[in-house]
């Protein structure tokens, strides 16, 4: 995965340092290990469009 903010590439999302934003146990956001930016998961539409242009 590539962070859209700092362009850092990483394999596993960092879920060890959750900021406890008030959501329930899991929020499906992936955190960049370099800058801490929380990346939302890719939607089905985004996957479809990305598949068209491969």
N, C-alpha and C. Protein backbone atom coordinates (compact mmCIF):
# COMPACT_ATOMS: atom_id res chain seq x y z
N UNK A 1 0.84 -1.17 0.00
CA UNK A 1 0.00 0.00 0.00
C UNK A 1 0.89 1.23 0.00
N UNK A 2 0.41 2.30 -0.63
CA UNK A 2 1.16 3.55 -0.70
C UNK A 2 0.34 4.66 -0.04
N UNK A 3 0.98 5.39 0.84
CA UNK A 3 0.32 6.49 1.54
C UNK A 3 0.11 7.65 0.56
N UNK A 4 -1.11 8.18 0.44
CA UNK A 4 -1.36 9.30 -0.46
C UNK A 4 -0.77 10.62 0.05
N UNK A 5 -0.41 10.69 1.32
CA UNK A 5 0.10 11.93 1.89
C UNK A 5 1.62 12.05 1.76
N UNK A 6 2.35 10.98 2.14
CA UNK A 6 3.81 11.07 2.14
C UNK A 6 4.48 10.11 1.14
N UNK A 7 3.70 9.33 0.41
CA UNK A 7 4.17 8.38 -0.60
C UNK A 7 5.00 7.23 -0.03
N UNK A 8 4.91 6.98 1.25
CA UNK A 8 5.60 5.85 1.87
C UNK A 8 4.89 4.56 1.46
N UNK A 9 5.65 3.54 1.06
CA UNK A 9 5.06 2.25 0.70
C UNK A 9 5.25 1.29 1.87
N UNK A 10 4.17 0.59 2.25
CA UNK A 10 4.24 -0.36 3.35
C UNK A 10 3.31 -1.53 3.07
N UNK A 11 3.57 -2.65 3.74
CA UNK A 11 2.79 -3.87 3.53
C UNK A 11 1.65 -4.00 4.52
N UNK A 12 1.97 -4.00 5.79
CA UNK A 12 0.96 -4.19 6.82
C UNK A 12 0.54 -2.86 7.43
N UNK A 13 -0.76 -2.66 7.62
CA UNK A 13 -1.20 -1.43 8.29
C UNK A 13 -0.82 -1.47 9.77
N UNK A 14 -0.50 -0.32 10.34
CA UNK A 14 -0.13 -0.21 11.75
C UNK A 14 -1.39 0.02 12.57
N UNK A 15 -1.85 -0.99 13.27
CA UNK A 15 -3.03 -0.85 14.11
C UNK A 15 -2.67 -0.82 15.59
N UNK A 16 -1.38 -0.78 15.90
CA UNK A 16 -0.95 -0.83 17.29
C UNK A 16 -1.16 0.50 18.02
N UNK A 17 -1.16 1.62 17.31
CA UNK A 17 -1.29 2.92 17.95
C UNK A 17 -2.60 3.61 17.56
N UNK A 18 -3.70 3.00 17.91
CA UNK A 18 -5.00 3.58 17.62
C UNK A 18 -5.20 4.84 18.46
N UNK A 19 -5.72 5.87 17.86
CA UNK A 19 -5.90 7.14 18.58
C UNK A 19 -7.17 7.18 19.41
N UNK A 20 -7.92 6.10 19.43
CA UNK A 20 -9.15 6.04 20.23
C UNK A 20 -10.06 7.22 19.94
N UNK A 21 -10.52 7.30 18.70
CA UNK A 21 -11.31 8.44 18.26
C UNK A 21 -12.78 8.36 18.70
N UNK A 22 -13.15 7.33 19.42
CA UNK A 22 -14.53 7.22 19.87
C UNK A 22 -15.34 6.21 19.09
N UNK A 23 -14.76 5.64 18.05
CA UNK A 23 -15.47 4.60 17.29
C UNK A 23 -15.41 3.30 18.06
N UNK A 24 -16.23 2.36 17.63
CA UNK A 24 -16.22 1.06 18.29
C UNK A 24 -14.93 0.31 17.97
N UNK A 25 -14.84 -0.93 18.28
CA UNK A 25 -13.58 -1.68 18.27
C UNK A 25 -12.76 -1.59 17.00
N UNK A 26 -13.37 -1.63 15.82
CA UNK A 26 -12.57 -1.54 14.60
C UNK A 26 -13.19 -0.51 13.66
N UNK A 27 -12.33 0.26 12.99
CA UNK A 27 -12.84 1.33 12.14
C UNK A 27 -12.45 1.14 10.67
N UNK A 28 -11.64 0.12 10.34
CA UNK A 28 -11.22 -0.20 8.98
C UNK A 28 -10.26 0.83 8.37
N UNK A 29 -9.76 1.77 9.13
CA UNK A 29 -8.78 2.72 8.62
C UNK A 29 -7.39 2.09 8.71
N UNK A 30 -6.53 2.40 7.77
CA UNK A 30 -5.17 1.90 7.79
C UNK A 30 -4.24 3.07 8.04
N UNK A 31 -3.31 2.90 8.97
CA UNK A 31 -2.42 4.00 9.38
C UNK A 31 -1.05 3.85 8.73
N UNK A 32 -0.55 4.94 8.17
CA UNK A 32 0.79 4.97 7.59
C UNK A 32 1.81 4.94 8.73
N UNK A 33 2.80 4.05 8.68
CA UNK A 33 3.79 3.99 9.76
C UNK A 33 4.74 5.19 9.79
N UNK A 34 4.87 5.90 8.69
CA UNK A 34 5.80 7.03 8.62
C UNK A 34 5.18 8.34 9.12
N UNK A 35 4.01 8.70 8.59
CA UNK A 35 3.42 10.00 8.93
C UNK A 35 2.18 9.90 9.83
N UNK A 36 1.60 8.69 9.99
CA UNK A 36 0.45 8.53 10.86
C UNK A 36 -0.89 8.83 10.20
N UNK A 37 -0.89 9.14 8.90
CA UNK A 37 -2.13 9.44 8.19
C UNK A 37 -3.01 8.19 8.15
N UNK A 38 -4.28 8.34 8.43
CA UNK A 38 -5.22 7.22 8.42
C UNK A 38 -5.92 7.17 7.06
N UNK A 39 -5.72 6.05 6.37
CA UNK A 39 -6.20 5.87 5.01
C UNK A 39 -7.48 5.03 5.02
N UNK A 40 -8.58 5.54 4.46
CA UNK A 40 -9.80 4.74 4.39
C UNK A 40 -9.63 3.60 3.38
N UNK A 41 -10.37 2.49 3.57
CA UNK A 41 -10.26 1.38 2.61
C UNK A 41 -10.79 1.79 1.24
N UNK A 42 -10.28 1.12 0.21
CA UNK A 42 -10.70 1.38 -1.16
C UNK A 42 -12.13 0.88 -1.37
N UNK A 43 -12.97 1.69 -2.02
CA UNK A 43 -14.35 1.29 -2.27
C UNK A 43 -14.42 0.36 -3.49
N UNK A 44 -15.55 -0.28 -3.66
CA UNK A 44 -15.74 -1.18 -4.81
C UNK A 44 -15.65 -0.41 -6.13
N UNK A 45 -16.17 0.82 -6.16
CA UNK A 45 -16.10 1.63 -7.36
C UNK A 45 -14.64 1.97 -7.71
N UNK A 46 -13.85 2.32 -6.71
CA UNK A 46 -12.43 2.62 -6.95
C UNK A 46 -11.70 1.39 -7.48
N UNK A 47 -11.99 0.22 -6.92
CA UNK A 47 -11.35 -1.02 -7.41
C UNK A 47 -11.75 -1.30 -8.84
N UNK A 48 -13.01 -1.07 -9.18
CA UNK A 48 -13.50 -1.31 -10.52
C UNK A 48 -12.81 -0.39 -11.54
N UNK A 49 -12.76 0.90 -11.22
CA UNK A 49 -12.14 1.89 -12.12
C UNK A 49 -10.64 1.60 -12.26
N UNK A 50 -9.98 1.27 -11.16
CA UNK A 50 -8.56 0.94 -11.22
C UNK A 50 -8.32 -0.28 -12.08
N UNK A 51 -9.24 -1.26 -12.04
CA UNK A 51 -9.13 -2.46 -12.86
C UNK A 51 -9.30 -2.18 -14.36
N UNK A 52 -10.08 -1.16 -14.68
CA UNK A 52 -10.27 -0.79 -16.08
C UNK A 52 -9.01 -0.23 -16.72
N UNK A 53 -8.20 0.46 -15.93
CA UNK A 53 -7.03 1.14 -16.46
C UNK A 53 -5.72 0.38 -16.25
N UNK A 54 -5.79 -0.87 -15.83
CA UNK A 54 -4.56 -1.66 -15.69
C UNK A 54 -4.09 -2.17 -17.01
